[in-house]
Every structure is written in structure tokens, then in C-alpha cells.
Amino acid sequence: MGDHILFAGLSYCAEEMVGTLHAQGVKMSATVRDDGKAKYVSALGITPILRDANNMAELCSGVTHVLLSAPPDAQTGDPLFPTLAPVITKLSSTIKWIGYLSTTGVYGDQGGAWIDEDSPAGPLGERGKRRVDAEQKWRMLGARIACPTHFFRLPGIYGPGRNMLTTMRAGKARRIIKEGQVFSRVHVSDIAQTLVASMRQPNAGRCYNVCDDLPAPPAEVVEYAAELLGLAPPPAIAFEDAELSPMAQSFYAENKRLRNDRIKAELGVVLKYPTYKQGLQACLEAGD
């Protein structure tokens, strides 16, 4: 591709892209918070840039693609926007793709219905409201400086080292039962291939649901992981008795099934792991 991508935070998803981009000859940089993280990204063949550097725009000279990974928080909103918006504005003549990793929380609760990127939002929780606000800030910036900006709405993410198999083996899996509740999910490899496909085919302002083909009850995933490991599943716990953290409760407050037709039709994505079963099987074979 002959391009230069800036990872604004080397997230789990961003790191999954590194091998593919290396093979394509893409130069890579990543913002980091400290010298320890700088050493780590350097070992991956990525140029580290301290997030609070005074000469950020100079250090980012030549960047053509930007991937924004940091979630907003309740205190400051989007933590990257104050620092990177001015930098991106200065570099707008060379930047040809901005990707923002959002969440499916922007749709709120849909009562288990099938929805796509054009569906109106249901009732939003606090996290969803913060994401909507962050998306809007980046959308307005992209439009103002004519930089193609894209939004990737992610559900539950799993993959090597971060999946129900490792949770089961650590003795932390919980089989929570809430009637009618389903979640969508996606393997990190399918996120990575979607992002790379979008980089090749920019479509300014476009939103994409990045998920697999099979929304499923969370207890079903726990049971399948136990089966793969030859273990007994943990005991069933009624949602009302689960004593979940506020964060976990916010996930269970939203119920929806996500359509992923757009990434297939527009970006040509063929999912490597169309359901959690293929994904978990691959994680098992890889040693998780």
C-alpha cells in the first residue's frame, strides 16, 4: 500500500493488524503513554510516539491513515480528541482514512430485534451516550477537513488469549441465565481484516457493524467452551441473583441482534469465524 498508519493507542484490535500491514509494506507508528510501552511497540516494528509530545504533528508527518482505539470516559469524554484533532487538522492534506473503533452500545436496547447500521437507536445507557458523542465529534472533524472518517461498531471481542476458554481455565466463567438475552460477538481477526479492507476502500462517513453471523445467549457460549475443554459447565445463575458489577449490568441492559451485511457487500469481507463455535475451536487449536 505504501502508506503510513498511526495507531492512536495500540489496542488488541490494532495489534492484530500488525502482521498483515507489515507484509504489505505499510509503515506503522503508535502513540504510547510511557517508555515501557514504547519498548514494546518498538519490538513489533512500530515507531513509538509519546502521547504528550509537544511536537506531535511533526512526529506524525507523512501519516496517511489513523486508527482511533481509546474509549471515552465519564470524566473527560474522548481522551484522544483534544490532542489528536489539532494534529489531524494540520495533516489533513496527507491523511486519507480515519477509523474510529466504536461499540454497538450506540444502538441502545433493541429488545432482541435484528438491526443494521441504519436502525434508529433504542434507549441509551451512559456508555452508549458517550460513544454517540465521540462518534459525532470525529464525524464533524472529518467533514470539516474533508478526511474520510469511518466508524466500526464492535460487540464483544474475543481471540487468542482473550476468550471463554481462558476464562474457563482460570475458573472465572459464570453461566448467567436471562430469558431472551443474546449478545453479538466477533473474533479479533475478523475485525482486523475489516479494518484493512476499509483502508483500501475509503467511504467517508460510513458506519459498519463488525460482528459474526450468530448472536447467541451468553450461557450457550460458556457451555460450548466447557464442552471443548471437556469440563463441566459452571452452575447456572439467574440474572437476578448474579450480583453483577455496574459495568456488567449495563451490558445485560441491552439486547439486540446485529446484521453484518454491509461489511460483506461493501468491503468484500468473508468472515474467518462466522460463529463463536469456529472461533473458539480455532483458539483451542492455537493453544488457548
C-alpha atoms as a PDB file:
ATOM      1  CA  MET A   1       0.000   0.000   0.000  1.00  0.00           C
ATOM      2  CA  GLY A   2       2.995   2.335   0.537  1.00  0.00           C
ATOM      3  CA  ASP A   3       1.198   4.077   3.381  1.00  0.00           C
ATOM      4  CA  HIS A   4       1.827   5.085   6.989  1.00  0.00           C
ATOM      5  CA  ILE A   5      -0.708   4.283   9.717  1.00  0.00           C
ATOM      6  CA  LEU A   6      -0.839   5.864  13.140  1.00  0.00           C
ATOM      7  CA  PHE A   7      -2.353   3.652  15.822  1.00  0.00           C
ATOM      8  CA  ALA A   8      -3.775   6.081  18.362  1.00  0.00           C
ATOM      9  CA  GLY A   9      -3.389   3.539  21.109  1.00  0.00           C
ATOM     10  CA  LEU A  10      -2.101   0.055  20.241  1.00  0.00           C
ATOM     11  CA  SER A  11      -5.264  -1.824  21.166  1.00  0.00           C
ATOM     12  CA  TYR A  12      -5.936  -5.565  20.949  1.00  0.00           C
ATOM     13  CA  CYS A  13      -7.598  -4.951  17.571  1.00  0.00           C
ATOM     14  CA  ALA A  14      -4.803  -2.733  16.286  1.00  0.00           C
ATOM     15  CA  GLU A  15      -2.141  -5.239  17.262  1.00  0.00           C
ATOM     16  CA  GLU A  16      -3.956  -7.931  15.288  1.00  0.00           C
ATOM     17  CA  MET A  17      -3.441  -5.834  12.126  1.00  0.00           C
ATOM     18  CA  VAL A  18       0.322  -5.550  12.514  1.00  0.00           C
ATOM     19  CA  GLY A  19       1.332  -8.764  10.733  1.00  0.00           C
ATOM     20  CA  THR A  20      -0.853  -8.028   7.696  1.00  0.00           C
ATOM     21  CA  LEU A  21       0.345  -4.437   7.421  1.00  0.00           C
ATOM     22  CA  HIS A  22       3.992  -5.475   7.786  1.00  0.00           C
ATOM     23  CA  ALA A  23       3.522  -7.890   4.885  1.00  0.00           C
ATOM     24  CA  GLN A  24       2.019  -5.093   2.780  1.00  0.00           C
ATOM     25  CA  GLY A  25       4.910  -2.740   3.473  1.00  0.00           C
ATOM     26  CA  VAL A  26       2.863  -0.268   5.495  1.00  0.00           C
ATOM     27  CA  LYS A  27       4.868   1.953   7.829  1.00  0.00           C
ATOM     28  CA  MET A  28       3.440   1.979  11.370  1.00  0.00           C
ATOM     29  CA  SER A  29       3.570   4.322  14.328  1.00  0.00           C
ATOM     30  CA  ALA A  30       1.674   4.198  17.625  1.00  0.00           C
ATOM     31  CA  THR A  31       1.030   6.634  20.429  1.00  0.00           C
ATOM     32  CA  VAL A  32       2.238   5.394  23.811  1.00  0.00           C
ATOM     33  CA  ARG A  33       1.972   6.657  27.363  1.00  0.00           C
ATOM     34  CA  ASP A  34       5.407   5.731  28.692  1.00  0.00           C
ATOM     35  CA  ASP A  35       8.824   4.295  27.869  1.00  0.00           C
ATOM     36  CA  GLY A  36       7.764   0.765  28.832  1.00  0.00           C
ATOM     37  CA  LYS A  37       5.053   0.713  26.194  1.00  0.00           C
ATOM     38  CA  ALA A  38       7.458   2.380  23.747  1.00  0.00           C
ATOM     39  CA  LYS A  39       9.855  -0.551  24.062  1.00  0.00           C
ATOM     40  CA  TYR A  40       7.025  -2.995  23.472  1.00  0.00           C
ATOM     41  CA  VAL A  41       5.769  -1.371  20.280  1.00  0.00           C
ATOM     42  CA  SER A  42       9.333  -0.946  19.005  1.00  0.00           C
ATOM     43  CA  ALA A  43       9.819  -4.688  19.332  1.00  0.00           C
ATOM     44  CA  LEU A  44       6.843  -5.120  16.994  1.00  0.00           C
ATOM     45  CA  GLY A  45       8.479  -2.954  14.340  1.00  0.00           C
ATOM     46  CA  ILE A  46       6.295   0.063  15.156  1.00  0.00           C
ATOM     47  CA  THR A  47       7.628   3.570  15.791  1.00  0.00           C
ATOM     48  CA  PRO A  48       6.507   4.796  19.239  1.00  0.00           C
ATOM     49  CA  ILE A  49       5.297   8.381  19.724  1.00  0.00           C
ATOM     50  CA  LEU A  50       4.765   9.650  23.261  1.00  0.00           C
ATOM     51  CA  ARG A  51       1.175  10.810  23.594  1.00  0.00           C
ATOM     52  CA  ASP A  52       2.095  14.048  25.360  1.00  0.00           C
ATOM     53  CA  ALA A  53       4.914  15.021  22.974  1.00  0.00           C
ATOM     54  CA  ASN A  54       4.957  18.746  22.217  1.00  0.00           C
ATOM     55  CA  ASN A  55       5.871  18.135  18.576  1.00  0.00           C
ATOM     56  CA  MET A  56       3.169  15.544  17.870  1.00  0.00           C
ATOM     57  CA  ALA A  57       2.307  16.976  14.447  1.00  0.00           C
ATOM     58  CA  GLU A  58       5.956  16.855  13.391  1.00  0.00           C
ATOM     59  CA  LEU A  59       6.348  13.284  14.632  1.00  0.00           C
ATOM     60  CA  CYS A  60       3.235  12.275  12.676  1.00  0.00           C
ATOM     61  CA  SER A  61       4.391  13.870   9.431  1.00  0.00           C
ATOM     62  CA  GLY A  62       3.602  11.601   6.480  1.00  0.00           C
ATOM     63  CA  VAL A  63       0.800   9.704   8.235  1.00  0.00           C
ATOM     64  CA  THR A  64      -1.888   8.642   5.765  1.00  0.00           C
ATOM     65  CA  HIS A  65      -4.162   6.527   7.986  1.00  0.00           C
ATOM     66  CA  VAL A  66      -5.235   6.919  11.623  1.00  0.00           C
ATOM     67  CA  LEU A  67      -6.916   4.268  13.802  1.00  0.00           C
ATOM     68  CA  LEU A  68      -8.517   5.619  16.976  1.00  0.00           C
ATOM     69  CA  SER A  69      -8.909   2.978  19.679  1.00  0.00           C
ATOM     70  CA  ALA A  70      -9.402   4.678  23.043  1.00  0.00           C
ATOM     71  CA  PRO A  71     -12.881   4.556  24.659  1.00  0.00           C
ATOM     72  CA  PRO A  72     -14.413   7.727  26.109  1.00  0.00           C
ATOM     73  CA  ASP A  73     -14.712   8.068  29.862  1.00  0.00           C
ATOM     74  CA  ALA A  74     -17.177   9.788  32.147  1.00  0.00           C
ATOM     75  CA  GLN A  75     -14.727  12.499  33.240  1.00  0.00           C
ATOM     76  CA  THR A  76     -13.065  13.707  30.030  1.00  0.00           C
ATOM     77  CA  GLY A  77     -15.099  12.206  27.189  1.00  0.00           C
ATOM     78  CA  ASP A  78     -12.934  11.058  24.281  1.00  0.00           C
ATOM     79  CA  PRO A  79      -9.363  11.178  25.672  1.00  0.00           C
ATOM     80  CA  LEU A  80      -7.738  11.379  22.223  1.00  0.00           C
ATOM     81  CA  PHE A  81      -9.775  14.166  20.685  1.00  0.00           C
ATOM     82  CA  PRO A  82      -8.156  17.192  22.422  1.00  0.00           C
ATOM     83  CA  THR A  83      -4.650  16.049  21.451  1.00  0.00           C
ATOM     84  CA  LEU A  84      -5.149  14.441  18.064  1.00  0.00           C
ATOM     85  CA  ALA A  85      -7.832  16.631  16.484  1.00  0.00           C
ATOM     86  CA  PRO A  86      -5.394  19.559  16.020  1.00  0.00           C
ATOM     87  CA  VAL A  87      -2.716  17.164  14.719  1.00  0.00           C
ATOM     88  CA  ILE A  88      -5.078  15.570  12.204  1.00  0.00           C
ATOM     89  CA  THR A  89      -6.237  19.006  11.113  1.00  0.00           C
ATOM     90  CA  LYS A  90      -2.636  20.023  10.360  1.00  0.00           C
ATOM     91  CA  LEU A  91      -2.016  16.774   8.452  1.00  0.00           C
ATOM     92  CA  SER A  92      -5.330  16.747   6.601  1.00  0.00           C
ATOM     93  CA  SER A  93      -3.651  17.074   3.188  1.00  0.00           C
ATOM     94  CA  THR A  94      -1.968  13.671   3.576  1.00  0.00           C
ATOM     95  CA  ILE A  95      -4.480  11.714   5.688  1.00  0.00           C
ATOM     96  CA  LYS A  96      -6.839   9.677   3.519  1.00  0.00           C
ATOM     97  CA  TRP A  97      -8.507   7.406   6.094  1.00  0.00           C
ATOM     98  CA  ILE A  98      -9.558   7.753   9.730  1.00  0.00           C
ATOM     99  CA  GLY A  99     -11.058   4.775  11.543  1.00  0.00           C
ATOM    100  CA  TYR A 100     -12.806   5.026  14.904  1.00  0.00           C
ATOM    101  CA  LEU A 101     -13.389   1.866  16.948  1.00  0.00           C
ATOM    102  CA  SER A 102     -16.831   2.404  18.434  1.00  0.00           C
ATOM    103  CA  THR A 103     -19.264  -0.036  20.039  1.00  0.00           C
ATOM    104  CA  THR A 104     -22.705  -1.431  19.394  1.00  0.00           C
ATOM    105  CA  GLY A 105     -23.761   0.451  22.523  1.00  0.00           C
ATOM    106  CA  VAL A 106     -24.666   3.350  20.217  1.00  0.00           C
ATOM    107  CA  TYR A 107     -27.834   1.396  19.296  1.00  0.00           C
ATOM    108  CA  GLY A 108     -29.021   1.044  22.885  1.00  0.00           C
ATOM    109  CA  ASP A 109     -31.548  -1.637  23.798  1.00  0.00           C
ATOM    110  CA  GLN A 110     -33.492  -3.135  20.875  1.00  0.00           C
ATOM    111  CA  GLY A 111     -35.416  -5.840  22.723  1.00  0.00           C
ATOM    112  CA  GLY A 112     -33.582  -8.624  20.884  1.00  0.00           C
ATOM    113  CA  ALA A 113     -34.530  -7.368  17.396  1.00  0.00           C
ATOM    114  CA  TRP A 114     -32.316  -7.656  14.313  1.00  0.00           C
ATOM    115  CA  ILE A 115     -30.820  -4.258  13.441  1.00  0.00           C
ATOM    116  CA  ASP A 116     -28.396  -2.787  10.928  1.00  0.00           C
ATOM    117  CA  GLU A 117     -26.338   0.403  10.728  1.00  0.00           C
ATOM    118  CA  ASP A 118     -29.372   2.493   9.734  1.00  0.00           C
ATOM    119  CA  SER A 119     -31.617   1.359  12.589  1.00  0.00           C
ATOM    120  CA  PRO A 120     -32.703   4.116  14.981  1.00  0.00           C
ATOM    121  CA  ALA A 121     -31.222   3.873  18.448  1.00  0.00           C
ATOM    122  CA  GLY A 122     -33.220   2.497  21.330  1.00  0.00           C
ATOM    123  CA  PRO A 123     -32.839   3.694  24.928  1.00  0.00           C
ATOM    124  CA  LEU A 124     -29.168   4.515  25.524  1.00  0.00           C
ATOM    125  CA  GLY A 125     -27.115   3.806  28.622  1.00  0.00           C
ATOM    126  CA  GLU A 126     -24.390   6.163  29.815  1.00  0.00           C
ATOM    127  CA  ARG A 127     -21.656   4.335  27.873  1.00  0.00           C
ATOM    128  CA  GLY A 128     -23.752   4.476  24.720  1.00  0.00           C
ATOM    129  CA  LYS A 129     -24.305   8.215  25.114  1.00  0.00           C
ATOM    130  CA  ARG A 130     -20.571   8.801  25.479  1.00  0.00           C
ATOM    131  CA  ARG A 131     -19.905   6.777  22.334  1.00  0.00           C
ATOM    132  CA  VAL A 132     -22.512   8.671  20.339  1.00  0.00           C
ATOM    133  CA  ASP A 133     -20.900  11.924  21.448  1.00  0.00           C
ATOM    134  CA  ALA A 134     -17.417  10.696  20.496  1.00  0.00           C
ATOM    135  CA  GLU A 135     -18.593   9.490  17.090  1.00  0.00           C
ATOM    136  CA  GLN A 136     -20.193  12.874  16.452  1.00  0.00           C
ATOM    137  CA  LYS A 137     -17.005  14.783  17.337  1.00  0.00           C
ATOM    138  CA  TRP A 138     -14.882  12.748  14.930  1.00  0.00           C
ATOM    139  CA  ARG A 139     -17.578  12.861  12.237  1.00  0.00           C
ATOM    140  CA  MET A 140     -17.719  16.637  12.395  1.00  0.00           C
ATOM    141  CA  LEU A 141     -13.926  16.924  12.309  1.00  0.00           C
ATOM    142  CA  GLY A 142     -13.680  14.597   9.317  1.00  0.00           C
ATOM    143  CA  ALA A 143     -16.321  16.576   7.439  1.00  0.00           C
ATOM    144  CA  ARG A 144     -14.704  19.916   8.281  1.00  0.00           C
ATOM    145  CA  ILE A 145     -11.263  18.953   6.953  1.00  0.00           C
ATOM    146  CA  ALA A 146     -12.512  16.559   4.237  1.00  0.00           C
ATOM    147  CA  CYS A 147     -10.859  13.471   5.720  1.00  0.00           C
ATOM    148  CA  PRO A 148     -12.721  10.191   5.072  1.00  0.00           C
ATOM    149  CA  THR A 149     -13.784   9.076   8.565  1.00  0.00           C
ATOM    150  CA  HIS A 150     -15.257   5.640   9.306  1.00  0.00           C
ATOM    151  CA  PHE A 151     -16.925   4.111  12.346  1.00  0.00           C
ATOM    152  CA  PHE A 152     -16.589   0.449  13.279  1.00  0.00           C
ATOM    153  CA  ARG A 153     -19.190  -0.629  15.809  1.00  0.00           C
ATOM    154  CA  LEU A 154     -17.884  -3.597  17.755  1.00  0.00           C
ATOM    155  CA  PRO A 155     -19.728  -6.062  20.031  1.00  0.00           C
ATOM    156  CA  GLY A 156     -17.964  -8.487  22.390  1.00  0.00           C
ATOM    157  CA  ILE A 157     -14.427  -9.147  21.134  1.00  0.00           C
ATOM    158  CA  TYR A 158     -12.565 -12.410  21.615  1.00  0.00           C
ATOM    159  CA  GLY A 159      -9.485 -14.075  20.202  1.00  0.00           C
ATOM    160  CA  PRO A 160      -6.110 -15.533  21.202  1.00  0.00           C
ATOM    161  CA  GLY A 161      -5.520 -15.176  24.928  1.00  0.00           C
ATOM    162  CA  ARG A 162      -8.858 -13.451  25.452  1.00  0.00           C
ATOM    163  CA  ASN A 163     -11.800 -15.806  25.157  1.00  0.00           C
ATOM    164  CA  MET A 164     -14.155 -18.049  27.103  1.00  0.00           C
ATOM    165  CA  LEU A 165     -11.657 -20.921  27.070  1.00  0.00           C
ATOM    166  CA  THR A 166      -9.107 -18.901  29.033  1.00  0.00           C
ATOM    167  CA  THR A 167     -11.869 -17.651  31.329  1.00  0.00           C
ATOM    168  CA  MET A 168     -12.996 -21.222  31.974  1.00  0.00           C
ATOM    169  CA  ARG A 169      -9.488 -22.417  32.730  1.00  0.00           C
ATOM    170  CA  ALA A 170      -8.984 -19.514  35.123  1.00  0.00           C
ATOM    171  CA  GLY A 171     -12.129 -20.586  36.994  1.00  0.00           C
ATOM    172  CA  LYS A 172     -13.815 -17.231  36.320  1.00  0.00           C
ATOM    173  CA  ALA A 173     -16.586 -18.282  33.922  1.00  0.00           C
ATOM    174  CA  ARG A 174     -20.175 -17.628  35.012  1.00  0.00           C
ATOM    175  CA  ARG A 175     -23.223 -19.152  33.321  1.00  0.00           C
ATOM    176  CA  ILE A 176     -25.782 -16.384  33.766  1.00  0.00           C
ATOM    177  CA  ILE A 177     -29.309 -17.019  32.556  1.00  0.00           C
ATOM    178  CA  LYS A 178     -31.501 -14.122  31.442  1.00  0.00           C
ATOM    179  CA  GLU A 179     -34.515 -15.173  29.411  1.00  0.00           C
ATOM    180  CA  GLY A 180     -34.318 -13.957  25.798  1.00  0.00           C
ATOM    181  CA  GLN A 181     -30.915 -12.276  26.217  1.00  0.00           C
ATOM    182  CA  VAL A 182     -28.488 -12.510  23.307  1.00  0.00           C
ATOM    183  CA  PHE A 183     -25.166 -10.861  22.517  1.00  0.00           C
ATOM    184  CA  SER A 184     -23.307 -10.469  19.266  1.00  0.00           C
ATOM    185  CA  ARG A 185     -19.564 -11.070  19.238  1.00  0.00           C
ATOM    186  CA  VAL A 186     -16.630 -11.125  16.827  1.00  0.00           C
ATOM    187  CA  HIS A 187     -13.188 -12.686  16.562  1.00  0.00           C
ATOM    188  CA  VAL A 188     -10.395 -10.108  16.569  1.00  0.00           C
ATOM    189  CA  SER A 189      -9.068 -11.472  13.249  1.00  0.00           C
ATOM    190  CA  ASP A 190     -12.311 -10.525  11.547  1.00  0.00           C
ATOM    191  CA  ILE A 191     -12.087  -7.008  12.956  1.00  0.00           C
ATOM    192  CA  ALA A 192      -8.552  -6.702  11.600  1.00  0.00           C
ATOM    193  CA  GLN A 193      -9.468  -7.853   8.105  1.00  0.00           C
ATOM    194  CA  THR A 194     -12.447  -5.466   8.047  1.00  0.00           C
ATOM    195  CA  LEU A 195     -10.264  -2.507   9.001  1.00  0.00           C
ATOM    196  CA  VAL A 196      -7.674  -3.321   6.337  1.00  0.00           C
ATOM    197  CA  ALA A 197     -10.436  -3.735   3.734  1.00  0.00           C
ATOM    198  CA  SER A 198     -11.844  -0.313   4.641  1.00  0.00           C
ATOM    199  CA  MET A 199      -8.395   1.282   4.367  1.00  0.00           C
ATOM    200  CA  ARG A 200      -8.278   0.059   0.777  1.00  0.00           C
ATOM    201  CA  GLN A 201     -11.824   1.274   0.033  1.00  0.00           C
ATOM    202  CA  PRO A 202     -12.489   4.509   1.942  1.00  0.00           C
ATOM    203  CA  ASN A 203     -16.116   5.627   2.084  1.00  0.00           C
ATOM    204  CA  ALA A 204     -16.312   8.856   4.059  1.00  0.00           C
ATOM    205  CA  GLY A 205     -18.718   8.837   6.997  1.00  0.00           C
ATOM    206  CA  ARG A 206     -19.622   5.160   6.678  1.00  0.00           C
ATOM    207  CA  CYS A 207     -20.516   3.064   9.732  1.00  0.00           C
ATOM    208  CA  TYR A 208     -20.000  -0.695   9.894  1.00  0.00           C
ATOM    209  CA  ASN A 209     -21.254  -3.375  12.252  1.00  0.00           C
ATOM    210  CA  VAL A 210     -18.321  -5.745  12.676  1.00  0.00           C
ATOM    211  CA  CYS A 211     -19.735  -8.956  14.097  1.00  0.00           C
ATOM    212  CA  ASP A 212     -20.220 -12.621  13.279  1.00  0.00           C
ATOM    213  CA  ASP A 213     -23.359 -14.277  11.910  1.00  0.00           C
ATOM    214  CA  LEU A 214     -24.691 -15.809  15.112  1.00  0.00           C
ATOM    215  CA  PRO A 215     -25.864 -13.713  18.058  1.00  0.00           C
ATOM    216  CA  ALA A 216     -26.253 -16.127  20.962  1.00  0.00           C
ATOM    217  CA  PRO A 217     -27.168 -16.308  24.646  1.00  0.00           C
ATOM    218  CA  PRO A 218     -24.039 -15.879  26.779  1.00  0.00           C
ATOM    219  CA  ALA A 219     -24.712 -19.113  28.671  1.00  0.00           C
ATOM    220  CA  GLU A 220     -24.625 -21.029  25.386  1.00  0.00           C
ATOM    221  CA  VAL A 221     -21.071 -19.822  24.717  1.00  0.00           C
ATOM    222  CA  VAL A 222     -19.973 -20.854  28.210  1.00  0.00           C
ATOM    223  CA  GLU A 223     -21.456 -24.310  27.707  1.00  0.00           C
ATOM    224  CA  TYR A 224     -19.704 -24.770  24.361  1.00  0.00           C
ATOM    225  CA  ALA A 225     -16.349 -23.699  25.810  1.00  0.00           C
ATOM    226  CA  ALA A 226     -16.778 -26.223  28.616  1.00  0.00           C
ATOM    227  CA  GLU A 227     -17.563 -28.914  26.057  1.00  0.00           C
ATOM    228  CA  LEU A 228     -14.407 -28.131  24.072  1.00  0.00           C
ATOM    229  CA  LEU A 229     -12.307 -28.360  27.229  1.00  0.00           C
ATOM    230  CA  GLY A 230     -14.009 -31.498  28.492  1.00  0.00           C
ATOM    231  CA  LEU A 231     -15.115 -29.711  31.634  1.00  0.00           C
ATOM    232  CA  ALA A 232     -18.432 -29.450  33.398  1.00  0.00           C
ATOM    233  CA  PRO A 233     -20.037 -26.047  32.813  1.00  0.00           C
ATOM    234  CA  PRO A 234     -20.303 -23.779  35.841  1.00  0.00           C
ATOM    235  CA  PRO A 235     -23.650 -23.792  37.636  1.00  0.00           C
ATOM    236  CA  ALA A 236     -26.468 -21.766  36.130  1.00  0.00           C
ATOM    237  CA  ILE A 237     -27.149 -18.454  37.877  1.00  0.00           C
ATOM    238  CA  ALA A 238     -30.325 -16.472  37.367  1.00  0.00           C
ATOM    239  CA  PHE A 239     -29.606 -12.930  36.221  1.00  0.00           C
ATOM    240  CA  GLU A 240     -31.454 -11.545  39.225  1.00  0.00           C
ATOM    241  CA  ASP A 241     -29.107 -13.443  41.567  1.00  0.00           C
ATOM    242  CA  ALA A 242     -25.835 -12.783  39.729  1.00  0.00           C
ATOM    243  CA  GLU A 243     -24.736  -9.683  41.707  1.00  0.00           C
ATOM    244  CA  LEU A 244     -23.121  -8.138  38.645  1.00  0.00           C
ATOM    245  CA  SER A 245     -20.941  -5.051  38.633  1.00  0.00           C
ATOM    246  CA  PRO A 246     -22.483  -1.832  37.246  1.00  0.00           C
ATOM    247  CA  MET A 247     -20.464  -2.325  34.041  1.00  0.00           C
ATOM    248  CA  ALA A 248     -21.724  -5.892  33.560  1.00  0.00           C
ATOM    249  CA  GLN A 249     -25.286  -4.819  34.340  1.00  0.00           C
ATOM    250  CA  SER A 250     -25.068  -2.203  31.596  1.00  0.00           C
ATOM    251  CA  PHE A 251     -24.230  -4.921  29.061  1.00  0.00           C
ATOM    252  CA  TYR A 252     -27.205  -7.027  30.112  1.00  0.00           C
ATOM    253  CA  ALA A 253     -29.481  -3.977  29.902  1.00  0.00           C
ATOM    254  CA  GLU A 254     -29.130  -4.069  26.105  1.00  0.00           C
ATOM    255  CA  ASN A 255     -30.430  -6.886  23.924  1.00  0.00           C
ATOM    256  CA  LYS A 256     -30.025  -6.902  20.141  1.00  0.00           C
ATOM    257  CA  ARG A 257     -29.031  -8.969  17.128  1.00  0.00           C
ATOM    258  CA  LEU A 258     -26.645  -7.240  14.722  1.00  0.00           C
ATOM    259  CA  ARG A 259     -26.661  -7.595  10.959  1.00  0.00           C
ATOM    260  CA  ASN A 260     -23.265  -7.566   9.238  1.00  0.00           C
ATOM    261  CA  ASP A 261     -24.363  -7.431   5.584  1.00  0.00           C
ATOM    262  CA  ARG A 262     -22.592  -4.124   4.936  1.00  0.00           C
ATOM    263  CA  ILE A 263     -19.047  -5.323   5.605  1.00  0.00           C
ATOM    264  CA  LYS A 264     -19.670  -8.244   3.269  1.00  0.00           C
ATOM    265  CA  ALA A 265     -21.338  -6.318   0.454  1.00  0.00           C
ATOM    266  CA  GLU A 266     -19.221  -3.140   0.508  1.00  0.00           C
ATOM    267  CA  LEU A 267     -15.840  -4.351   1.756  1.00  0.00           C
ATOM    268  CA  GLY A 268     -15.866  -7.918   0.455  1.00  0.00           C
ATOM    269  CA  VAL A 269     -15.267  -9.368   3.910  1.00  0.00           C
ATOM    270  CA  VAL A 270     -15.544 -13.142   4.200  1.00  0.00           C
ATOM    271  CA  LEU A 271     -15.616 -13.969   7.889  1.00  0.00           C
ATOM    272  CA  LYS A 272     -12.914 -16.367   9.041  1.00  0.00           C
ATOM    273  CA  TYR A 273     -15.060 -17.230  12.050  1.00  0.00           C
ATOM    274  CA  PRO A 274     -18.765 -16.828  11.168  1.00  0.00           C
ATOM    275  CA  THR A 275     -19.848 -18.142  14.579  1.00  0.00           C
ATOM    276  CA  TYR A 276     -18.363 -18.401  18.042  1.00  0.00           C
ATOM    277  CA  LYS A 277     -18.019 -22.168  17.545  1.00  0.00           C
ATOM    278  CA  GLN A 278     -15.442 -21.868  14.763  1.00  0.00           C
ATOM    279  CA  GLY A 279     -13.725 -19.071  16.653  1.00  0.00           C
ATOM    280  CA  LEU A 280     -13.388 -20.944  19.928  1.00  0.00           C
ATOM    281  CA  GLN A 281     -12.289 -24.085  18.113  1.00  0.00           C
ATOM    282  CA  ALA A 282      -9.502 -22.072  16.452  1.00  0.00           C
ATOM    283  CA  CYS A 283      -8.467 -20.614  19.818  1.00  0.00           C
ATOM    284  CA  LEU A 284      -8.300 -24.135  21.260  1.00  0.00           C
ATOM    285  CA  GLU A 285      -6.163 -25.372  18.361  1.00  0.00           C
ATOM    286  CA  ALA A 286      -3.876 -22.368  18.801  1.00  0.00           C
ATOM    287  CA  GLY A 287      -3.188 -23.373  22.383  1.00  0.00           C
ATOM    288  CA  ASP A 288      -5.669 -21.397  24.490  1.00  0.00           C
END
